[in-house]
Amino acid sequence: MINLMITLLINIALSTIIVLIAFWLPQLYLYLEKSSPYECGFDPLGSARLPFSMKFFLIAITFLLFDLEIALLLPLPWAIQLPTPKSMLTLSYCLIILLTLGLAYEWTQKGLEWTE
């Protein structure tokens, strides 16, 4: 128990020191060339900080949700070998049903259509 406490204390102390150094190390002044999105020496013709499409953002979030679903379902073959696979299968089916309902809702609300 003492070893665990010492390890946690050292980890917290090192993390705190690294975070404090990260706050104090950067230079406090910014000049025009440093804040410019182009560092190759020519003047930009327009602003490089353009807003992105909200549709793209929604598609990206949907992709992340289904990617997370795959990550959560990957251990399923090993979980079937447990003494009680019924609970794991029930939770997996609930996850699949929940995500399917979410996809159906987004589809009916026309959230997956790129053009309006």
PDB file of N, CA and C in Angstrom:
ATOM      1  N   MET A   1       0.822  -1.195   0.000  1.00  0.00           N
ATOM      2  CA  MET A   1       0.000   0.000   0.000  1.00  0.00           C
ATOM      3  C   MET A   1       0.869   1.262   0.000  1.00  0.00           C
ATOM      4  N   ILE A   2       1.957   1.204   0.750  1.00  0.00           N
ATOM      5  CA  ILE A   2       2.868   2.350   0.819  1.00  0.00           C
ATOM      6  C   ILE A   2       3.512   2.586  -0.548  1.00  0.00           C
ATOM      7  N   ASN A   3       3.888   1.493  -1.224  1.00  0.00           N
ATOM      8  CA  ASN A   3       4.505   1.642  -2.547  1.00  0.00           C
ATOM      9  C   ASN A   3       3.547   2.302  -3.532  1.00  0.00           C
ATOM     10  N   LEU A   4       2.281   1.945  -3.454  1.00  0.00           N
ATOM     11  CA  LEU A   4       1.286   2.553  -4.331  1.00  0.00           C
ATOM     12  C   LEU A   4       1.152   4.041  -4.044  1.00  0.00           C
ATOM     13  N   MET A   5       1.120   4.410  -2.789  1.00  0.00           N
ATOM     14  CA  MET A   5       0.999   5.821  -2.418  1.00  0.00           C
ATOM     15  C   MET A   5       2.224   6.617  -2.874  1.00  0.00           C
ATOM     16  N   ILE A   6       3.401   6.033  -2.721  1.00  0.00           N
ATOM     17  CA  ILE A   6       4.623   6.719  -3.156  1.00  0.00           C
ATOM     18  C   ILE A   6       4.620   6.895  -4.670  1.00  0.00           C
ATOM     19  N   THR A   7       4.211   5.856  -5.390  1.00  0.00           N
ATOM     20  CA  THR A   7       4.149   5.941  -6.848  1.00  0.00           C
ATOM     21  C   THR A   7       3.155   7.004  -7.295  1.00  0.00           C
ATOM     22  N   LEU A   8       1.976   7.020  -6.686  1.00  0.00           N
ATOM     23  CA  LEU A   8       0.985   8.035  -7.026  1.00  0.00           C
ATOM     24  C   LEU A   8       1.485   9.437  -6.708  1.00  0.00           C
ATOM     25  N   LEU A   9       2.128   9.607  -5.577  1.00  0.00           N
ATOM     26  CA  LEU A   9       2.654  10.910  -5.191  1.00  0.00           C
ATOM     27  C   LEU A   9       3.721  11.387  -6.174  1.00  0.00           C
ATOM     28  N   ILE A  10       4.617  10.490  -6.573  1.00  0.00           N
ATOM     29  CA  ILE A  10       5.657  10.856  -7.537  1.00  0.00           C
ATOM     30  C   ILE A  10       5.039  11.204  -8.885  1.00  0.00           C
ATOM     31  N   ASN A  11       4.058  10.418  -9.324  1.00  0.00           N
ATOM     32  CA  ASN A  11       3.406  10.701 -10.610  1.00  0.00           C
ATOM     33  C   ASN A  11       2.676  12.039 -10.588  1.00  0.00           C
ATOM     34  N   ILE A  12       1.971  12.330  -9.519  1.00  0.00           N
ATOM     35  CA  ILE A  12       1.262  13.607  -9.412  1.00  0.00           C
ATOM     36  C   ILE A  12       2.251  14.767  -9.368  1.00  0.00           C
ATOM     37  N   ALA A  13       3.339  14.600  -8.621  1.00  0.00           N
ATOM     38  CA  ALA A  13       4.338  15.664  -8.531  1.00  0.00           C
ATOM     39  C   ALA A  13       4.998  15.915  -9.887  1.00  0.00           C
ATOM     40  N   LEU A  14       5.385  14.850 -10.591  1.00  0.00           N
ATOM     41  CA  LEU A  14       6.003  15.023 -11.904  1.00  0.00           C
ATOM     42  C   LEU A  14       5.035  15.642 -12.902  1.00  0.00           C
ATOM     43  N   SER A  15       3.788  15.213 -12.872  1.00  0.00           N
ATOM     44  CA  SER A  15       2.791  15.788 -13.779  1.00  0.00           C
ATOM     45  C   SER A  15       2.599  17.268 -13.505  1.00  0.00           C
ATOM     46  N   THR A  16       2.532  17.635 -12.237  1.00  0.00           N
ATOM     47  CA  THR A  16       2.364  19.040 -11.877  1.00  0.00           C
ATOM     48  C   THR A  16       3.561  19.868 -12.328  1.00  0.00           C
ATOM     49  N   ILE A  17       4.754  19.349 -12.130  1.00  0.00           N
ATOM     50  CA  ILE A  17       5.960  20.068 -12.541  1.00  0.00           C
ATOM     51  C   ILE A  17       5.986  20.254 -14.056  1.00  0.00           C
ATOM     52  N   ILE A  18       5.646  19.210 -14.803  1.00  0.00           N
ATOM     53  CA  ILE A  18       5.658  19.300 -16.266  1.00  0.00           C
ATOM     54  C   ILE A  18       4.618  20.292 -16.760  1.00  0.00           C
ATOM     55  N   VAL A  19       3.434  20.302 -16.155  1.00  0.00           N
ATOM     56  CA  VAL A  19       2.397  21.258 -16.556  1.00  0.00           C
ATOM     57  C   VAL A  19       2.840  22.685 -16.249  1.00  0.00           C
ATOM     58  N   LEU A  20       3.431  22.909 -15.092  1.00  0.00           N
ATOM     59  CA  LEU A  20       3.904  24.250 -14.749  1.00  0.00           C
ATOM     60  C   LEU A  20       5.012  24.714 -15.689  1.00  0.00           C
ATOM     61  N   ILE A  21       5.917  23.823 -16.041  1.00  0.00           N
ATOM     62  CA  ILE A  21       6.975  24.181 -16.989  1.00  0.00           C
ATOM     63  C   ILE A  21       6.381  24.506 -18.351  1.00  0.00           C
ATOM     64  N   ALA A  22       5.369  23.750 -18.759  1.00  0.00           N
ATOM     65  CA  ALA A  22       4.737  24.006 -20.060  1.00  0.00           C
ATOM     66  C   ALA A  22       4.056  25.368 -20.085  1.00  0.00           C
ATOM     67  N   PHE A  23       3.565  25.834 -18.950  1.00  0.00           N
ATOM     68  CA  PHE A  23       2.950  27.164 -18.905  1.00  0.00           C
ATOM     69  C   PHE A  23       3.995  28.276 -18.880  1.00  0.00           C
ATOM     70  N   TRP A  24       5.130  28.039 -18.251  1.00  0.00           N
ATOM     71  CA  TRP A  24       6.125  29.096 -18.103  1.00  0.00           C
ATOM     72  C   TRP A  24       7.122  29.168 -19.252  1.00  0.00           C
ATOM     73  N   LEU A  25       7.304  28.085 -20.001  1.00  0.00           N
ATOM     74  CA  LEU A  25       8.314  28.066 -21.054  1.00  0.00           C
ATOM     75  C   LEU A  25       7.985  28.905 -22.284  1.00  0.00           C
ATOM     76  N   PRO A  26       6.764  28.889 -22.785  1.00  0.00           N
ATOM     77  CA  PRO A  26       6.529  29.630 -24.039  1.00  0.00           C
ATOM     78  C   PRO A  26       6.773  31.121 -23.870  1.00  0.00           C
ATOM     79  N   GLN A  27       7.155  31.731 -24.975  1.00  0.00           N
ATOM     80  CA  GLN A  27       7.365  33.175 -24.941  1.00  0.00           C
ATOM     81  C   GLN A  27       6.019  33.865 -24.821  1.00  0.00           C
ATOM     82  N   LEU A  28       6.000  34.958 -24.114  1.00  0.00           N
ATOM     83  CA  LEU A  28       4.744  35.641 -23.843  1.00  0.00           C
ATOM     84  C   LEU A  28       4.349  36.618 -24.940  1.00  0.00           C
ATOM     85  N   TYR A  29       5.248  36.967 -25.826  1.00  0.00           N
ATOM     86  CA  TYR A  29       4.915  37.920 -26.874  1.00  0.00           C
ATOM     87  C   TYR A  29       4.753  37.177 -28.207  1.00  0.00           C
ATOM     88  N   LEU A  30       3.798  37.624 -28.976  1.00  0.00           N
ATOM     89  CA  LEU A  30       3.567  37.086 -30.313  1.00  0.00           C
ATOM     90  C   LEU A  30       3.818  38.191 -31.327  1.00  0.00           C
ATOM     91  N   TYR A  31       4.476  37.875 -32.379  1.00  0.00           N
ATOM     92  CA  TYR A  31       4.664  38.842 -33.441  1.00  0.00           C
ATOM     93  C   TYR A  31       3.916  38.345 -34.676  1.00  0.00           C
ATOM     94  N   LEU A  32       3.764  39.201 -35.651  1.00  0.00           N
ATOM     95  CA  LEU A  32       2.885  38.954 -36.792  1.00  0.00           C
ATOM     96  C   LEU A  32       3.261  37.683 -37.550  1.00  0.00           C
ATOM     97  N   GLU A  33       4.544  37.450 -37.761  1.00  0.00           N
ATOM     98  CA  GLU A  33       4.955  36.274 -38.524  1.00  0.00           C
ATOM     99  C   GLU A  33       4.655  34.983 -37.772  1.00  0.00           C
ATOM    100  N   LYS A  34       4.723  35.036 -36.468  1.00  0.00           N
ATOM    101  CA  LYS A  34       4.471  33.834 -35.675  1.00  0.00           C
ATOM    102  C   LYS A  34       2.997  33.454 -35.685  1.00  0.00           C
ATOM    103  N   SER A  35       2.116  34.431 -35.708  1.00  0.00           N
ATOM    104  CA  SER A  35       0.689  34.133 -35.689  1.00  0.00           C
ATOM    105  C   SER A  35       0.112  33.932 -37.085  1.00  0.00           C
ATOM    106  N   SER A  36       0.931  34.096 -38.114  1.00  0.00           N
ATOM    107  CA  SER A  36       0.468  33.898 -39.485  1.00  0.00           C
ATOM    108  C   SER A  36       0.362  32.403 -39.777  1.00  0.00           C
ATOM    109  N   PRO A  37      -0.666  31.971 -40.533  1.00  0.00           N
ATOM    110  CA  PRO A  37      -0.788  30.545 -40.827  1.00  0.00           C
ATOM    111  C   PRO A  37       0.257  30.054 -41.824  1.00  0.00           C
ATOM    112  N   TYR A  38       0.892  30.962 -42.546  1.00  0.00           N
ATOM    113  CA  TYR A  38       1.911  30.592 -43.520  1.00  0.00           C
ATOM    114  C   TYR A  38       3.275  30.987 -42.984  1.00  0.00           C
ATOM    115  N   GLU A  39       4.211  30.057 -42.997  1.00  0.00           N
ATOM    116  CA  GLU A  39       5.549  30.349 -42.507  1.00  0.00           C
ATOM    117  C   GLU A  39       6.585  30.226 -43.616  1.00  0.00           C
ATOM    118  N   CYS A  40       6.160  30.299 -44.875  1.00  0.00           N
ATOM    119  CA  CYS A  40       7.100  30.079 -45.970  1.00  0.00           C
ATOM    120  C   CYS A  40       7.623  31.380 -46.568  1.00  0.00           C
ATOM    121  N   GLY A  41       7.190  32.523 -46.084  1.00  0.00           N
ATOM    122  CA  GLY A  41       7.771  33.770 -46.520  1.00  0.00           C
ATOM    123  C   GLY A  41       6.943  34.595 -47.468  1.00  0.00           C
ATOM    124  N   PHE A  42       5.825  34.100 -47.976  1.00  0.00           N
ATOM    125  CA  PHE A  42       5.024  34.931 -48.871  1.00  0.00           C
ATOM    126  C   PHE A  42       3.763  35.398 -48.160  1.00  0.00           C
ATOM    127  N   ASP A  43       3.230  36.496 -48.651  1.00  0.00           N
ATOM    128  CA  ASP A  43       2.015  37.042 -48.060  1.00  0.00           C
ATOM    129  C   ASP A  43       0.800  36.259 -48.549  1.00  0.00           C
ATOM    130  N   PRO A  44      -0.078  35.879 -47.659  1.00  0.00           N
ATOM    131  CA  PRO A  44      -1.268  35.137 -48.090  1.00  0.00           C
ATOM    132  C   PRO A  44      -2.225  36.037 -48.863  1.00  0.00           C
ATOM    133  N   LEU A  45      -2.928  35.446 -49.827  1.00  0.00           N
ATOM    134  CA  LEU A  45      -3.878  36.210 -50.633  1.00  0.00           C
ATOM    135  C   LEU A  45      -5.188  36.436 -49.890  1.00  0.00           C
ATOM    136  N   GLY A  46      -5.549  35.530 -49.016  1.00  0.00           N
ATOM    137  CA  GLY A  46      -6.789  35.645 -48.249  1.00  0.00           C
ATOM    138  C   GLY A  46      -6.593  35.017 -46.880  1.00  0.00           C
ATOM    139  N   SER A  47      -7.637  34.984 -46.124  1.00  0.00           N
ATOM    140  CA  SER A  47      -7.553  34.406 -44.790  1.00  0.00           C
ATOM    141  C   SER A  47      -7.551  32.881 -44.878  1.00  0.00           C
ATOM    142  N   ALA A  48      -6.663  32.253 -44.144  1.00  0.00           N
ATOM    143  CA  ALA A  48      -6.616  30.793 -44.116  1.00  0.00           C
ATOM    144  C   ALA A  48      -7.526  30.234 -43.032  1.00  0.00           C
ATOM    145  N   ARG A  49      -8.061  31.064 -42.218  1.00  0.00           N
ATOM    146  CA  ARG A  49      -8.924  30.622 -41.131  1.00  0.00           C
ATOM    147  C   ARG A  49     -10.384  30.725 -41.567  1.00  0.00           C
ATOM    148  N   LEU A  50     -10.768  29.786 -42.425  1.00  0.00           N
ATOM    149  CA  LEU A  50     -12.127  29.762 -42.939  1.00  0.00           C
ATOM    150  C   LEU A  50     -12.993  28.864 -42.062  1.00  0.00           C
ATOM    151  N   PRO A  51     -14.254  29.189 -41.888  1.00  0.00           N
ATOM    152  CA  PRO A  51     -15.131  28.312 -41.100  1.00  0.00           C
ATOM    153  C   PRO A  51     -15.383  27.010 -41.850  1.00  0.00           C
ATOM    154  N   PHE A  52     -15.551  25.933 -41.088  1.00  0.00           N
ATOM    155  CA  PHE A  52     -15.813  24.646 -41.723  1.00  0.00           C
ATOM    156  C   PHE A  52     -17.309  24.357 -41.716  1.00  0.00           C
ATOM    157  N   SER A  53     -17.697  23.438 -42.548  1.00  0.00           N
ATOM    158  CA  SER A  53     -19.101  23.103 -42.717  1.00  0.00           C
ATOM    159  C   SER A  53     -19.628  22.346 -41.497  1.00  0.00           C
ATOM    160  N   MET A  54     -20.810  22.725 -41.040  1.00  0.00           N
ATOM    161  CA  MET A  54     -21.433  22.034 -39.918  1.00  0.00           C
ATOM    162  C   MET A  54     -21.849  20.621 -40.313  1.00  0.00           C
ATOM    163  N   LYS A  55     -22.196  20.427 -41.581  1.00  0.00           N
ATOM    164  CA  LYS A  55     -22.545  19.084 -42.063  1.00  0.00           C
ATOM    165  C   LYS A  55     -21.345  18.151 -41.927  1.00  0.00           C
ATOM    166  N   PHE A  56     -20.163  18.664 -42.290  1.00  0.00           N
ATOM    167  CA  PHE A  56     -18.957  17.851 -42.156  1.00  0.00           C
ATOM    168  C   PHE A  56     -18.725  17.487 -40.694  1.00  0.00           C
ATOM    169  N   PHE A  57     -18.954  18.422 -39.803  1.00  0.00           N
ATOM    170  CA  PHE A  57     -18.780  18.169 -38.380  1.00  0.00           C
ATOM    171  C   PHE A  57     -19.731  17.071 -37.905  1.00  0.00           C
ATOM    172  N   LEU A  58     -20.993  17.107 -38.323  1.00  0.00           N
ATOM    173  CA  LEU A  58     -21.964  16.084 -37.916  1.00  0.00           C
ATOM    174  C   LEU A  58     -21.603  14.714 -38.474  1.00  0.00           C
ATOM    175  N   ILE A  59     -21.135  14.665 -39.714  1.00  0.00           N
ATOM    176  CA  ILE A  59     -20.708  13.389 -40.296  1.00  0.00           C
ATOM    177  C   ILE A  59     -19.493  12.853 -39.537  1.00  0.00           C
ATOM    178  N   ALA A  60     -18.573  13.727 -39.171  1.00  0.00           N
ATOM    179  CA  ALA A  60     -17.387  13.302 -38.430  1.00  0.00           C
ATOM    180  C   ALA A  60     -17.762  12.762 -37.055  1.00  0.00           C
ATOM    181  N   ILE A  61     -18.701  13.402 -36.372  1.00  0.00           N
ATOM    182  CA  ILE A  61     -19.143  12.922 -35.060  1.00  0.00           C
ATOM    183  C   ILE A  61     -19.830  11.567 -35.196  1.00  0.00           C
ATOM    184  N   THR A  62     -20.640  11.397 -36.242  1.00  0.00           N
ATOM    185  CA  THR A  62     -21.296  10.108 -36.477  1.00  0.00           C
ATOM    186  C   THR A  62     -20.256   9.022 -36.728  1.00  0.00           C
ATOM    187  N   PHE A  63     -19.240   9.340 -37.512  1.00  0.00           N
ATOM    188  CA  PHE A  63     -18.175   8.373 -37.750  1.00  0.00           C
ATOM    189  C   PHE A  63     -17.482   7.993 -36.447  1.00  0.00           C
ATOM    190  N   LEU A  64     -17.206   8.971 -35.598  1.00  0.00           N
ATOM    191  CA  LEU A  64     -16.549   8.674 -34.328  1.00  0.00           C
ATOM    192  C   LEU A  64     -17.411   7.786 -33.442  1.00  0.00           C
ATOM    193  N   LEU A  65     -18.719   8.000 -33.448  1.00  0.00           N
ATOM    194  CA  LEU A  65     -19.605   7.157 -32.645  1.00  0.00           C
ATOM    195  C   LEU A  65     -19.560   5.708 -33.109  1.00  0.00           C
ATOM    196  N   PHE A  66     -19.605   5.491 -34.417  1.00  0.00           N
ATOM    197  CA  PHE A  66     -19.579   4.124 -34.909  1.00  0.00           C
ATOM    198  C   PHE A  66     -18.190   3.513 -34.786  1.00  0.00           C
ATOM    199  N   ASP A  67     -17.163   4.319 -34.831  1.00  0.00           N
ATOM    200  CA  ASP A  67     -15.819   3.826 -34.578  1.00  0.00           C
ATOM    201  C   ASP A  67     -15.689   3.389 -33.122  1.00  0.00           C
ATOM    202  N   LEU A  68     -16.282   4.145 -32.222  1.00  0.00           N
ATOM    203  CA  LEU A  68     -16.293   3.774 -30.811  1.00  0.00           C
ATOM    204  C   LEU A  68     -17.083   2.490 -30.599  1.00  0.00           C
ATOM    205  N   GLU A  69     -18.155   2.313 -31.346  1.00  0.00           N
ATOM    206  CA  GLU A  69     -18.942   1.083 -31.238  1.00  0.00           C
ATOM    207  C   GLU A  69     -18.086  -0.127 -31.593  1.00  0.00           C
ATOM    208  N   ILE A  70     -17.314  -0.011 -32.651  1.00  0.00           N
ATOM    209  CA  ILE A  70     -16.450  -1.123 -33.047  1.00  0.00           C
ATOM    210  C   ILE A  70     -15.415  -1.395 -31.966  1.00  0.00           C
ATOM    211  N   ALA A  71     -14.858  -0.348 -31.385  1.00  0.00           N
ATOM    212  CA  ALA A  71     -13.870  -0.529 -30.321  1.00  0.00           C
ATOM    213  C   ALA A  71     -14.489  -1.194 -29.095  1.00  0.00           C
ATOM    214  N   LEU A  72     -15.752  -0.886 -28.810  1.00  0.00           N
ATOM    215  CA  LEU A  72     -16.411  -1.507 -27.661  1.00  0.00           C
ATOM    216  C   LEU A  72     -16.821  -2.948 -27.938  1.00  0.00           C
ATOM    217  N   LEU A  73     -17.069  -3.279 -29.185  1.00  0.00           N
ATOM    218  CA  LEU A  73     -17.503  -4.634 -29.521  1.00  0.00           C
ATOM    219  C   LEU A  73     -16.344  -5.569 -29.854  1.00  0.00           C
ATOM    220  N   LEU A  74     -15.130  -5.062 -29.975  1.00  0.00           N
ATOM    221  CA  LEU A  74     -13.992  -5.921 -30.292  1.00  0.00           C
ATOM    222  C   LEU A  74     -13.737  -7.013 -29.248  1.00  0.00           C
ATOM    223  N   PRO A  75     -13.856  -6.753 -27.948  1.00  0.00           N
ATOM    224  CA  PRO A  75     -13.611  -7.825 -26.976  1.00  0.00           C
ATOM    225  C   PRO A  75     -14.751  -8.835 -26.868  1.00  0.00           C
ATOM    226  N   LEU A  76     -15.782  -8.708 -27.668  1.00  0.00           N
ATOM    227  CA  LEU A  76     -16.938  -9.595 -27.565  1.00  0.00           C
ATOM    228  C   LEU A  76     -16.589 -11.069 -27.762  1.00  0.00           C
ATOM    229  N   PRO A  77     -15.745 -11.461 -28.724  1.00  0.00           N
ATOM    230  CA  PRO A  77     -15.428 -12.891 -28.843  1.00  0.00           C
ATOM    231  C   PRO A  77     -14.765 -13.471 -27.600  1.00  0.00           C
ATOM    232  N   TRP A  78     -13.962 -12.682 -26.900  1.00  0.00           N
ATOM    233  CA  TRP A  78     -13.344 -13.178 -25.680  1.00  0.00           C
ATOM    234  C   TRP A  78     -14.341 -13.195 -24.529  1.00  0.00           C
ATOM    235  N   ALA A  79     -15.287 -12.288 -24.554  1.00  0.00           N
ATOM    236  CA  ALA A  79     -16.285 -12.239 -23.485  1.00  0.00           C
ATOM    237  C   ALA A  79     -17.262 -13.402 -23.578  1.00  0.00           C
ATOM    238  N   ILE A  80     -17.436 -13.957 -24.764  1.00  0.00           N
ATOM    239  CA  ILE A  80     -18.334 -15.101 -24.911  1.00  0.00           C
ATOM    240  C   ILE A  80     -17.785 -16.305 -24.162  1.00  0.00           C
ATOM    241  N   GLN A  81     -16.479 -16.364 -23.956  1.00  0.00           N
ATOM    242  CA  GLN A  81     -15.862 -17.484 -23.257  1.00  0.00           C
ATOM    243  C   GLN A  81     -15.984 -17.370 -21.740  1.00  0.00           C
ATOM    244  N   LEU A  82     -16.550 -16.292 -21.238  1.00  0.00           N
ATOM    245  CA  LEU A  82     -16.739 -16.127 -19.799  1.00  0.00           C
ATOM    246  C   LEU A  82     -17.792 -17.102 -19.291  1.00  0.00           C
ATOM    247  N   PRO A  83     -17.830 -17.331 -17.980  1.00  0.00           N
ATOM    248  CA  PRO A  83     -18.847 -18.242 -17.434  1.00  0.00           C
ATOM    249  C   PRO A  83     -20.271 -17.745 -17.655  1.00  0.00           C
ATOM    250  N   THR A  84     -20.470 -16.426 -17.683  1.00  0.00           N
ATOM    251  CA  THR A  84     -21.812 -15.879 -17.916  1.00  0.00           C
ATOM    252  C   THR A  84     -21.777 -14.945 -19.126  1.00  0.00           C
ATOM    253  N   PRO A  85     -21.817 -15.497 -20.328  1.00  0.00           N
ATOM    254  CA  PRO A  85     -21.760 -14.632 -21.516  1.00  0.00           C
ATOM    255  C   PRO A  85     -23.083 -13.928 -21.792  1.00  0.00           C
ATOM    256  N   LYS A  86     -24.140 -14.339 -21.107  1.00  0.00           N
ATOM    257  CA  LYS A  86     -25.455 -13.759 -21.380  1.00  0.00           C
ATOM    258  C   LYS A  86     -25.490 -12.262 -21.068  1.00  0.00           C
ATOM    259  N   SER A  87     -24.870 -11.855 -19.974  1.00  0.00           N
ATOM    260  CA  SER A  87     -24.883 -10.435 -19.607  1.00  0.00           C
ATOM    261  C   SER A  87     -24.086  -9.602 -20.610  1.00  0.00           C
ATOM    262  N   MET A  88     -22.949 -10.139 -21.065  1.00  0.00           N
ATOM    263  CA  MET A  88     -22.148  -9.407 -22.053  1.00  0.00           C
ATOM    264  C   MET A  88     -22.883  -9.300 -23.381  1.00  0.00           C
ATOM    265  N   LEU A  89     -23.537 -10.372 -23.784  1.00  0.00           N
ATOM    266  CA  LEU A  89     -24.301 -10.335 -25.032  1.00  0.00           C
ATOM    267  C   LEU A  89     -25.476  -9.371 -24.924  1.00  0.00           C
ATOM    268  N   THR A  90     -26.125  -9.334 -23.766  1.00  0.00           N
ATOM    269  CA  THR A  90     -27.244  -8.410 -23.566  1.00  0.00           C
ATOM    270  C   THR A  90     -26.771  -6.963 -23.669  1.00  0.00           C
ATOM    271  N   LEU A  91     -25.658  -6.657 -23.025  1.00  0.00           N
ATOM    272  CA  LEU A  91     -25.114  -5.298 -23.106  1.00  0.00           C
ATOM    273  C   LEU A  91     -24.694  -4.946 -24.534  1.00  0.00           C
ATOM    274  N   SER A  92     -24.128  -5.899 -25.246  1.00  0.00           N
ATOM    275  CA  SER A  92     -23.721  -5.650 -26.631  1.00  0.00           C
ATOM    276  C   SER A  92     -24.932  -5.393 -27.514  1.00  0.00           C
ATOM    277  N   TYR A  93     -25.977  -6.196 -27.337  1.00  0.00           N
ATOM    278  CA  TYR A  93     -27.195  -5.981 -28.124  1.00  0.00           C
ATOM    279  C   TYR A  93     -27.832  -4.633 -27.792  1.00  0.00           C
ATOM    280  N   CYS A  94     -27.809  -4.255 -26.524  1.00  0.00           N
ATOM    281  CA  CYS A  94     -28.352  -2.940 -26.141  1.00  0.00           C
ATOM    282  C   CYS A  94     -27.558  -1.815 -26.807  1.00  0.00           C
ATOM    283  N   LEU A  95     -26.236  -1.949 -26.851  1.00  0.00           N
ATOM    284  CA  LEU A  95     -25.398  -0.943 -27.500  1.00  0.00           C
ATOM    285  C   LEU A  95     -25.707  -0.851 -28.989  1.00  0.00           C
ATOM    286  N   ILE A  96     -25.829  -2.002 -29.636  1.00  0.00           N
ATOM    287  CA  ILE A  96     -26.122  -2.011 -31.072  1.00  0.00           C
ATOM    288  C   ILE A  96     -27.497  -1.414 -31.343  1.00  0.00           C
ATOM    289  N   ILE A  97     -28.483  -1.769 -30.522  1.00  0.00           N
ATOM    290  CA  ILE A  97     -29.840  -1.234 -30.709  1.00  0.00           C
ATOM    291  C   ILE A  97     -29.856   0.275 -30.487  1.00  0.00           C
ATOM    292  N   LEU A  98     -29.164   0.745 -29.451  1.00  0.00           N
ATOM    293  CA  LEU A  98     -29.118   2.180 -29.169  1.00  0.00           C
ATOM    294  C   LEU A  98     -28.478   2.953 -30.323  1.00  0.00           C
ATOM    295  N   LEU A  99     -27.379   2.443 -30.839  1.00  0.00           N
ATOM    296  CA  LEU A  99     -26.722   3.127 -31.953  1.00  0.00           C
ATOM    297  C   LEU A  99     -27.545   3.038 -33.236  1.00  0.00           C
ATOM    298  N   THR A 100     -28.253   1.937 -33.434  1.00  0.00           N
ATOM    299  CA  THR A 100     -29.123   1.826 -34.610  1.00  0.00           C
ATOM    300  C   THR A 100     -30.274   2.814 -34.523  1.00  0.00           C
ATOM    301  N   LEU A 101     -30.851   2.956 -33.336  1.00  0.00           N
ATOM    302  CA  LEU A 101     -31.919   3.942 -33.157  1.00  0.00           C
ATOM    303  C   LEU A 101     -31.400   5.364 -33.378  1.00  0.00           C
ATOM    304  N   GLY A 102     -30.194   5.645 -32.896  1.00  0.00           N
ATOM    305  CA  GLY A 102     -29.601   6.961 -33.122  1.00  0.00           C
ATOM    306  C   GLY A 102     -29.343   7.227 -34.592  1.00  0.00           C
ATOM    307  N   LEU A 103     -28.877   6.204 -35.316  1.00  0.00           N
ATOM    308  CA  LEU A 103     -28.656   6.357 -36.752  1.00  0.00           C
ATOM    309  C   LEU A 103     -29.979   6.571 -37.482  1.00  0.00           C
ATOM    310  N   ALA A 104     -31.011   5.815 -37.093  1.00  0.00           N
ATOM    311  CA  ALA A 104     -32.324   5.983 -37.730  1.00  0.00           C
ATOM    312  C   ALA A 104     -32.874   7.383 -37.465  1.00  0.00           C
ATOM    313  N   TYR A 105     -32.703   7.881 -36.248  1.00  0.00           N
ATOM    314  CA  TYR A 105     -33.172   9.230 -35.927  1.00  0.00           C
ATOM    315  C   TYR A 105     -32.434  10.275 -36.753  1.00  0.00           C
ATOM    316  N   GLU A 106     -31.119  10.118 -36.850  1.00  0.00           N
ATOM    317  CA  GLU A 106     -30.340  11.090 -37.624  1.00  0.00           C
ATOM    318  C   GLU A 106     -30.703  11.014 -39.107  1.00  0.00           C
ATOM    319  N   TRP A 107     -31.000   9.823 -39.587  1.00  0.00           N
ATOM    320  CA  TRP A 107     -31.391   9.652 -40.981  1.00  0.00           C
ATOM    321  C   TRP A 107     -32.741  10.309 -41.255  1.00  0.00           C
ATOM    322  N   THR A 108     -33.708  10.114 -40.326  1.00  0.00           N
ATOM    323  CA  THR A 108     -35.034  10.712 -40.531  1.00  0.00           C
ATOM    324  C   THR A 108     -34.996  12.232 -40.391  1.00  0.00           C
ATOM    325  N   GLN A 109     -34.089  12.759 -39.604  1.00  0.00           N
ATOM    326  CA  GLN A 109     -33.957  14.205 -39.454  1.00  0.00           C
ATOM    327  C   GLN A 109     -33.100  14.822 -40.560  1.00  0.00           C
ATOM    328  N   LYS A 110     -32.690  13.998 -41.515  1.00  0.00           N
ATOM    329  CA  LYS A 110     -31.889  14.415 -42.669  1.00  0.00           C
ATOM    330  C   LYS A 110     -30.538  14.990 -42.241  1.00  0.00           C
ATOM    331  N   GLY A 111     -29.975  14.405 -41.196  1.00  0.00           N
ATOM    332  CA  GLY A 111     -28.667  14.844 -40.736  1.00  0.00           C
ATOM    333  C   GLY A 111     -27.528  14.263 -41.537  1.00  0.00           C
ATOM    334  N   LEU A 112     -27.798  13.206 -42.310  1.00  0.00           N
ATOM    335  CA  LEU A 112     -26.750  12.572 -43.092  1.00  0.00           C
ATOM    336  C   LEU A 112     -26.702  13.068 -44.530  1.00  0.00           C
ATOM    337  N   GLU A 113     -27.631  13.919 -44.917  1.00  0.00           N
ATOM    338  CA  GLU A 113     -27.630  14.440 -46.282  1.00  0.00           C
ATOM    339  C   GLU A 113     -26.658  15.607 -46.387  1.00  0.00           C
ATOM    340  N   TRP A 114     -25.798  15.549 -47.386  1.00  0.00           N
ATOM    341  CA  TRP A 114     -24.779  16.576 -47.521  1.00  0.00           C
ATOM    342  C   TRP A 114     -25.360  17.876 -48.057  1.00  0.00           C
ATOM    343  N   THR A 115     -26.266  17.779 -49.012  1.00  0.00           N
ATOM    344  CA  THR A 115     -26.884  18.989 -49.559  1.00  0.00           C
ATOM    345  C   THR A 115     -28.215  19.227 -48.880  1.00  0.00           C
ATOM    346  N   GLU A 116     -28.615  20.469 -48.831  1.00  0.00           N
ATOM    347  CA  GLU A 116     -29.861  20.802 -48.135  1.00  0.00           C
ATOM    348  C   GLU A 116     -31.030  20.852 -49.072  1.00  0.00           C
TER     349      GLU A 116
END
